[in-house]
Amino acid sequence: MLECNIDARGKAVRLLSGLASLAAGLVLLSLTAAGVLDGQLVVVAAGAAVLGGGFAIFEARAGWCALRAMGIKTPL
């Protein structure tokens, strides 16, 4: 079980940044599918943004930060 290691402010920041990253990744994927952008790097960046955003949203919902769990001090 994951132990809560962030407060409400940290959860809010992770949720908002996760949603922004997820949205940006989906926009990049949509532009690539529409033929506006092309290239493997764009697809890789979009995939990374979607996965990272999803993980940040998970952290916000769980109240758990992976970096803090590894002993790294984060400002929020």
PDB file of N, CA and C in Angstrom:
ATOM      1  N   MET A   1       0.839  -1.187   0.000  1.00  0.00           N
ATOM      2  CA  MET A   1       0.000   0.000   0.000  1.00  0.00           C
ATOM      3  C   MET A   1       0.884   1.250   0.000  1.00  0.00           C
ATOM      4  N   LEU A   2       0.481   2.248  -0.762  1.00  0.00           N
ATOM      5  CA  LEU A   2       1.244   3.493  -0.844  1.00  0.00           C
ATOM      6  C   LEU A   2       0.873   4.398   0.325  1.00  0.00           C
ATOM      7  N   GLU A   3       1.891   4.885   1.004  1.00  0.00           N
ATOM      8  CA  GLU A   3       1.665   5.776   2.134  1.00  0.00           C
ATOM      9  C   GLU A   3       1.628   7.214   1.644  1.00  0.00           C
ATOM     10  N   CYS A   4       0.629   7.963   2.075  1.00  0.00           N
ATOM     11  CA  CYS A   4       0.481   9.361   1.664  1.00  0.00           C
ATOM     12  C   CYS A   4       1.712  10.146   2.120  1.00  0.00           C
ATOM     13  N   ASN A   5       2.371  10.820   1.166  1.00  0.00           N
ATOM     14  CA  ASN A   5       3.560  11.591   1.530  1.00  0.00           C
ATOM     15  C   ASN A   5       3.549  13.008   0.950  1.00  0.00           C
ATOM     16  N   ILE A   6       2.379  13.467   0.467  1.00  0.00           N
ATOM     17  CA  ILE A   6       2.241  14.850  -0.001  1.00  0.00           C
ATOM     18  C   ILE A   6       0.956  15.447   0.573  1.00  0.00           C
ATOM     19  N   ASP A   7       0.965  16.761   0.706  1.00  0.00           N
ATOM     20  CA  ASP A   7      -0.220  17.438   1.258  1.00  0.00           C
ATOM     21  C   ASP A   7      -1.172  17.863   0.140  1.00  0.00           C
ATOM     22  N   ALA A   8      -2.219  18.572   0.514  1.00  0.00           N
ATOM     23  CA  ALA A   8      -3.249  18.973  -0.454  1.00  0.00           C
ATOM     24  C   ALA A   8      -2.674  19.877  -1.545  1.00  0.00           C
ATOM     25  N   ARG A   9      -1.739  20.749  -1.185  1.00  0.00           N
ATOM     26  CA  ARG A   9      -1.130  21.637  -2.183  1.00  0.00           C
ATOM     27  C   ARG A   9      -0.322  20.836  -3.201  1.00  0.00           C
ATOM     28  N   GLY A  10       0.434  19.851  -2.741  1.00  0.00           N
ATOM     29  CA  GLY A  10       1.201  18.993  -3.629  1.00  0.00           C
ATOM     30  C   GLY A  10       0.296  18.175  -4.544  1.00  0.00           C
ATOM     31  N   LYS A  11      -0.817  17.709  -3.993  1.00  0.00           N
ATOM     32  CA  LYS A  11      -1.783  16.954  -4.804  1.00  0.00           C
ATOM     33  C   LYS A  11      -2.355  17.834  -5.913  1.00  0.00           C
ATOM     34  N   ALA A  12      -2.695  19.079  -5.570  1.00  0.00           N
ATOM     35  CA  ALA A  12      -3.281  19.993  -6.559  1.00  0.00           C
ATOM     36  C   ALA A  12      -2.291  20.302  -7.679  1.00  0.00           C
ATOM     37  N   VAL A  13      -1.036  20.549  -7.319  1.00  0.00           N
ATOM     38  CA  VAL A  13      -0.017  20.854  -8.321  1.00  0.00           C
ATOM     39  C   VAL A  13       0.208  19.655  -9.238  1.00  0.00           C
ATOM     40  N   ARG A  14       0.274  18.471  -8.665  1.00  0.00           N
ATOM     41  CA  ARG A  14       0.470  17.262  -9.481  1.00  0.00           C
ATOM     42  C   ARG A  14      -0.724  16.999 -10.391  1.00  0.00           C
ATOM     43  N   LEU A  15      -1.928  17.231  -9.882  1.00  0.00           N
ATOM     44  CA  LEU A  15      -3.118  17.025 -10.703  1.00  0.00           C
ATOM     45  C   LEU A  15      -3.143  17.998 -11.875  1.00  0.00           C
ATOM     46  N   LEU A  16      -2.904  19.274 -11.611  1.00  0.00           N
ATOM     47  CA  LEU A  16      -2.932  20.272 -12.688  1.00  0.00           C
ATOM     48  C   LEU A  16      -1.818  20.040 -13.707  1.00  0.00           C
ATOM     49  N   SER A  17      -0.626  19.722 -13.230  1.00  0.00           N
ATOM     50  CA  SER A  17       0.471  19.477 -14.179  1.00  0.00           C
ATOM     51  C   SER A  17       0.226  18.189 -14.961  1.00  0.00           C
ATOM     52  N   GLY A  18      -0.357  17.195 -14.321  1.00  0.00           N
ATOM     53  CA  GLY A  18      -0.689  15.956 -15.013  1.00  0.00           C
ATOM     54  C   GLY A  18      -1.733  16.166 -16.093  1.00  0.00           C
ATOM     55  N   LEU A  19      -2.763  16.939 -15.776  1.00  0.00           N
ATOM     56  CA  LEU A  19      -3.799  17.229 -16.773  1.00  0.00           C
ATOM     57  C   LEU A  19      -3.236  18.026 -17.950  1.00  0.00           C
ATOM     58  N   ALA A  20      -2.359  18.992 -17.647  1.00  0.00           N
ATOM     59  CA  ALA A  20      -1.757  19.791 -18.715  1.00  0.00           C
ATOM     60  C   ALA A  20      -0.870  18.931 -19.610  1.00  0.00           C
ATOM     61  N   SER A  21      -0.084  18.063 -19.008  1.00  0.00           N
ATOM     62  CA  SER A  21       0.791  17.186 -19.780  1.00  0.00           C
ATOM     63  C   SER A  21      -0.018  16.197 -20.613  1.00  0.00           C
ATOM     64  N   LEU A  22      -1.054  15.641 -20.029  1.00  0.00           N
ATOM     65  CA  LEU A  22      -1.922  14.714 -20.754  1.00  0.00           C
ATOM     66  C   LEU A  22      -2.581  15.407 -21.939  1.00  0.00           C
ATOM     67  N   ALA A  23      -3.087  16.617 -21.722  1.00  0.00           N
ATOM     68  CA  ALA A  23      -3.731  17.373 -22.807  1.00  0.00           C
ATOM     69  C   ALA A  23      -2.724  17.695 -23.918  1.00  0.00           C
ATOM     70  N   ALA A  24      -1.532  18.119 -23.542  1.00  0.00           N
ATOM     71  CA  ALA A  24      -0.512  18.445 -24.546  1.00  0.00           C
ATOM     72  C   ALA A  24      -0.143  17.216 -25.366  1.00  0.00           C
ATOM     73  N   GLY A  25      -0.002  16.075 -24.698  1.00  0.00           N
ATOM     74  CA  GLY A  25       0.314  14.843 -25.405  1.00  0.00           C
ATOM     75  C   GLY A  25      -0.786  14.438 -26.369  1.00  0.00           C
ATOM     76  N   LEU A  26      -2.028  14.584 -25.941  1.00  0.00           N
ATOM     77  CA  LEU A  26      -3.148  14.237 -26.816  1.00  0.00           C
ATOM     78  C   LEU A  26      -3.245  15.187 -28.008  1.00  0.00           C
ATOM     79  N   VAL A  27      -2.933  16.464 -27.800  1.00  0.00           N
ATOM     80  CA  VAL A  27      -2.915  17.423 -28.910  1.00  0.00           C
ATOM     81  C   VAL A  27      -1.823  17.041 -29.910  1.00  0.00           C
ATOM     82  N   LEU A  28      -0.641  16.722 -29.403  1.00  0.00           N
ATOM     83  CA  LEU A  28       0.445  16.300 -30.303  1.00  0.00           C
ATOM     84  C   LEU A  28       0.070  15.050 -31.089  1.00  0.00           C
ATOM     85  N   LEU A  29      -0.535  14.087 -30.421  1.00  0.00           N
ATOM     86  CA  LEU A  29      -0.958  12.869 -31.114  1.00  0.00           C
ATOM     87  C   LEU A  29      -2.021  13.169 -32.169  1.00  0.00           C
ATOM     88  N   SER A  30      -2.954  14.060 -31.844  1.00  0.00           N
ATOM     89  CA  SER A  30      -3.999  14.441 -32.799  1.00  0.00           C
ATOM     90  C   SER A  30      -3.406  15.145 -34.021  1.00  0.00           C
ATOM     91  N   LEU A  31      -2.471  16.051 -33.782  1.00  0.00           N
ATOM     92  CA  LEU A  31      -1.827  16.750 -34.893  1.00  0.00           C
ATOM     93  C   LEU A  31      -1.011  15.802 -35.764  1.00  0.00           C
ATOM     94  N   THR A  32      -0.404  14.802 -35.128  1.00  0.00           N
ATOM     95  CA  THR A  32       0.347  13.806 -35.879  1.00  0.00           C
ATOM     96  C   THR A  32      -0.600  12.943 -36.711  1.00  0.00           C
ATOM     97  N   ALA A  33      -1.722  12.541 -36.118  1.00  0.00           N
ATOM     98  CA  ALA A  33      -2.700  11.722 -36.838  1.00  0.00           C
ATOM     99  C   ALA A  33      -3.320  12.492 -38.001  1.00  0.00           C
ATOM    100  N   ALA A  34      -3.465  13.809 -37.849  1.00  0.00           N
ATOM    101  CA  ALA A  34      -4.051  14.634 -38.899  1.00  0.00           C
ATOM    102  C   ALA A  34      -3.040  14.972 -39.992  1.00  0.00           C
ATOM    103  N   GLY A  35      -1.773  14.657 -39.772  1.00  0.00           N
ATOM    104  CA  GLY A  35      -0.758  14.913 -40.780  1.00  0.00           C
ATOM    105  C   GLY A  35      -0.129  16.291 -40.693  1.00  0.00           C
ATOM    106  N   VAL A  36      -0.475  17.056 -39.659  1.00  0.00           N
ATOM    107  CA  VAL A  36       0.106  18.391 -39.492  1.00  0.00           C
ATOM    108  C   VAL A  36       1.562  18.274 -39.041  1.00  0.00           C
ATOM    109  N   LEU A  37       1.811  17.362 -38.123  1.00  0.00           N
ATOM    110  CA  LEU A  37       3.173  17.095 -37.648  1.00  0.00           C
ATOM    111  C   LEU A  37       3.557  15.693 -38.086  1.00  0.00           C
ATOM    112  N   ASP A  38       4.843  15.478 -38.251  1.00  0.00           N
ATOM    113  CA  ASP A  38       5.263  14.122 -38.567  1.00  0.00           C
ATOM    114  C   ASP A  38       6.642  13.856 -37.995  1.00  0.00           C
ATOM    115  N   GLY A  39       6.934  12.615 -37.790  1.00  0.00           N
ATOM    116  CA  GLY A  39       8.231  12.223 -37.272  1.00  0.00           C
ATOM    117  C   GLY A  39       8.097  11.378 -36.027  1.00  0.00           C
ATOM    118  N   GLN A  40       9.056  10.495 -35.865  1.00  0.00           N
ATOM    119  CA  GLN A  40       9.052   9.602 -34.711  1.00  0.00           C
ATOM    120  C   GLN A  40       9.261  10.357 -33.410  1.00  0.00           C
ATOM    121  N   LEU A  41      10.064  11.401 -33.436  1.00  0.00           N
ATOM    122  CA  LEU A  41      10.340  12.145 -32.220  1.00  0.00           C
ATOM    123  C   LEU A  41       9.073  12.770 -31.655  1.00  0.00           C
ATOM    124  N   VAL A  42       8.198  13.263 -32.528  1.00  0.00           N
ATOM    125  CA  VAL A  42       6.941  13.860 -32.075  1.00  0.00           C
ATOM    126  C   VAL A  42       6.072  12.803 -31.414  1.00  0.00           C
ATOM    127  N   VAL A  43       6.020  11.623 -32.006  1.00  0.00           N
ATOM    128  CA  VAL A  43       5.208  10.544 -31.443  1.00  0.00           C
ATOM    129  C   VAL A  43       5.773  10.095 -30.098  1.00  0.00           C
ATOM    130  N   VAL A  44       7.087   9.987 -30.001  1.00  0.00           N
ATOM    131  CA  VAL A  44       7.722   9.594 -28.740  1.00  0.00           C
ATOM    132  C   VAL A  44       7.469  10.660 -27.674  1.00  0.00           C
ATOM    133  N   ALA A  45       7.605  11.932 -28.026  1.00  0.00           N
ATOM    134  CA  ALA A  45       7.357  13.014 -27.075  1.00  0.00           C
ATOM    135  C   ALA A  45       5.904  13.019 -26.627  1.00  0.00           C
ATOM    136  N   ALA A  46       4.992  12.806 -27.558  1.00  0.00           N
ATOM    137  CA  ALA A  46       3.571  12.774 -27.217  1.00  0.00           C
ATOM    138  C   ALA A  46       3.274  11.600 -26.293  1.00  0.00           C
ATOM    139  N   GLY A  47       3.837  10.446 -26.595  1.00  0.00           N
ATOM    140  CA  GLY A  47       3.635   9.281 -25.735  1.00  0.00           C
ATOM    141  C   GLY A  47       4.189   9.499 -24.341  1.00  0.00           C
ATOM    142  N   ALA A  48       5.367  10.106 -24.259  1.00  0.00           N
ATOM    143  CA  ALA A  48       5.969  10.401 -22.957  1.00  0.00           C
ATOM    144  C   ALA A  48       5.112  11.393 -22.173  1.00  0.00           C
ATOM    145  N   ALA A  49       4.554  12.391 -22.863  1.00  0.00           N
ATOM    146  CA  ALA A  49       3.702  13.370 -22.199  1.00  0.00           C
ATOM    147  C   ALA A  49       2.428  12.713 -21.668  1.00  0.00           C
ATOM    148  N   VAL A  50       1.843  11.821 -22.453  1.00  0.00           N
ATOM    149  CA  VAL A  50       0.626  11.137 -22.021  1.00  0.00           C
ATOM    150  C   VAL A  50       0.929  10.229 -20.823  1.00  0.00           C
ATOM    151  N   LEU A  51       1.994   9.443 -20.911  1.00  0.00           N
ATOM    152  CA  LEU A  51       2.344   8.552 -19.800  1.00  0.00           C
ATOM    153  C   LEU A  51       2.729   9.332 -18.536  1.00  0.00           C
ATOM    154  N   GLY A  52       3.528  10.370 -18.708  1.00  0.00           N
ATOM    155  CA  GLY A  52       3.925  11.190 -17.565  1.00  0.00           C
ATOM    156  C   GLY A  52       2.746  11.899 -16.928  1.00  0.00           C
ATOM    157  N   GLY A  53       1.853  12.414 -17.769  1.00  0.00           N
ATOM    158  CA  GLY A  53       0.654  13.066 -17.252  1.00  0.00           C
ATOM    159  C   GLY A  53      -0.238  12.099 -16.501  1.00  0.00           C
ATOM    160  N   GLY A  54      -0.385  10.911 -17.049  1.00  0.00           N
ATOM    161  CA  GLY A  54      -1.180   9.892 -16.368  1.00  0.00           C
ATOM    162  C   GLY A  54      -0.589   9.511 -15.021  1.00  0.00           C
ATOM    163  N   PHE A  55       0.745   9.411 -14.962  1.00  0.00           N
ATOM    164  CA  PHE A  55       1.402   9.077 -13.700  1.00  0.00           C
ATOM    165  C   PHE A  55       1.251  10.203 -12.684  1.00  0.00           C
ATOM    166  N   ALA A  56       1.346  11.452 -13.134  1.00  0.00           N
ATOM    167  CA  ALA A  56       1.174  12.592 -12.224  1.00  0.00           C
ATOM    168  C   ALA A  56      -0.250  12.619 -11.671  1.00  0.00           C
ATOM    169  N   ILE A  57      -1.225  12.299 -12.500  1.00  0.00           N
ATOM    170  CA  ILE A  57      -2.613  12.238 -12.035  1.00  0.00           C
ATOM    171  C   ILE A  57      -2.774  11.117 -11.006  1.00  0.00           C
ATOM    172  N   PHE A  58      -2.141   9.971 -11.271  1.00  0.00           N
ATOM    173  CA  PHE A  58      -2.157   8.873 -10.296  1.00  0.00           C
ATOM    174  C   PHE A  58      -1.556   9.329  -8.968  1.00  0.00           C
ATOM    175  N   GLU A  59      -0.414  10.018  -9.015  1.00  0.00           N
ATOM    176  CA  GLU A  59       0.223  10.498  -7.786  1.00  0.00           C
ATOM    177  C   GLU A  59      -0.702  11.443  -7.022  1.00  0.00           C
ATOM    178  N   ALA A  60      -1.386  12.314  -7.742  1.00  0.00           N
ATOM    179  CA  ALA A  60      -2.305  13.256  -7.093  1.00  0.00           C
ATOM    180  C   ALA A  60      -3.449  12.517  -6.408  1.00  0.00           C
ATOM    181  N   ARG A  61      -4.023  11.540  -7.089  1.00  0.00           N
ATOM    182  CA  ARG A  61      -5.144  10.783  -6.525  1.00  0.00           C
ATOM    183  C   ARG A  61      -4.707   9.939  -5.325  1.00  0.00           C
ATOM    184  N   ALA A  62      -3.510   9.357  -5.411  1.00  0.00           N
ATOM    185  CA  ALA A  62      -3.020   8.492  -4.343  1.00  0.00           C
ATOM    186  C   ALA A  62      -2.423   9.292  -3.177  1.00  0.00           C
ATOM    187  N   GLY A  63      -2.072  10.566  -3.427  1.00  0.00           N
ATOM    188  CA  GLY A  63      -1.423  11.360  -2.396  1.00  0.00           C
ATOM    189  C   GLY A  63       0.006  10.906  -2.148  1.00  0.00           C
ATOM    190  N   TRP A  64       0.607  10.369  -3.168  1.00  0.00           N
ATOM    191  CA  TRP A  64       1.932   9.757  -3.050  1.00  0.00           C
ATOM    192  C   TRP A  64       2.837  10.303  -4.135  1.00  0.00           C
ATOM    193  N   CYS A  65       4.078  10.617  -3.798  1.00  0.00           N
ATOM    194  CA  CYS A  65       5.051  11.123  -4.755  1.00  0.00           C
ATOM    195  C   CYS A  65       6.211  10.137  -4.845  1.00  0.00           C
ATOM    196  N   ALA A  66       6.508   9.686  -6.054  1.00  0.00           N
ATOM    197  CA  ALA A  66       7.570   8.707  -6.264  1.00  0.00           C
ATOM    198  C   ALA A  66       8.929   9.267  -5.842  1.00  0.00           C
ATOM    199  N   LEU A  67       9.187  10.539  -6.167  1.00  0.00           N
ATOM    200  CA  LEU A  67      10.476  11.138  -5.804  1.00  0.00           C
ATOM    201  C   LEU A  67      10.649  11.206  -4.302  1.00  0.00           C
ATOM    202  N   ARG A  68       9.600  11.598  -3.595  1.00  0.00           N
ATOM    203  CA  ARG A  68       9.676  11.652  -2.132  1.00  0.00           C
ATOM    204  C   ARG A  68       9.848  10.262  -1.541  1.00  0.00           C
ATOM    205  N   ALA A  69       9.223   9.274  -2.160  1.00  0.00           N
ATOM    206  CA  ALA A  69       9.363   7.905  -1.666  1.00  0.00           C
ATOM    207  C   ALA A  69      10.794   7.403  -1.803  1.00  0.00           C
ATOM    208  N   MET A  70      11.547   7.973  -2.768  1.00  0.00           N
ATOM    209  CA  MET A  70      12.953   7.606  -2.953  1.00  0.00           C
ATOM    210  C   MET A  70      13.890   8.455  -2.103  1.00  0.00           C
ATOM    211  N   GLY A  71      13.337   9.369  -1.307  1.00  0.00           N
ATOM    212  CA  GLY A  71      14.150  10.182  -0.411  1.00  0.00           C
ATOM    213  C   GLY A  71      14.567  11.528  -0.976  1.00  0.00           C
ATOM    214  N   ILE A  72      14.083  11.873  -2.154  1.00  0.00           N
ATOM    215  CA  ILE A  72      14.420  13.169  -2.758  1.00  0.00           C
ATOM    216  C   ILE A  72      13.465  14.223  -2.225  1.00  0.00           C
ATOM    217  N   LYS A  73      13.998  15.307  -1.720  1.00  0.00           N
ATOM    218  CA  LYS A  73      13.165  16.384  -1.178  1.00  0.00           C
ATOM    219  C   LYS A  73      12.569  17.206  -2.325  1.00  0.00           C
ATOM    220  N   THR A  74      11.254  17.350  -2.330  1.00  0.00           N
ATOM    221  CA  THR A  74      10.585  18.184  -3.338  1.00  0.00           C
ATOM    222  C   THR A  74       9.984  19.385  -2.627  1.00  0.00           C
ATOM    223  N   PRO A  75       9.896  20.537  -3.293  1.00  0.00           N
ATOM    224  CA  PRO A  75       9.411  21.739  -2.626  1.00  0.00           C
ATOM    225  C   PRO A  75       7.921  21.700  -2.282  1.00  0.00           C
ATOM    226  N   LEU A  76       7.140  20.855  -2.931  1.00  0.00           N
ATOM    227  CA  LEU A  76       5.702  20.800  -2.625  1.00  0.00           C
ATOM    228  C   LEU A  76       5.334  19.498  -1.983  1.00  0.00           C
TER     229      LEU A  76
END
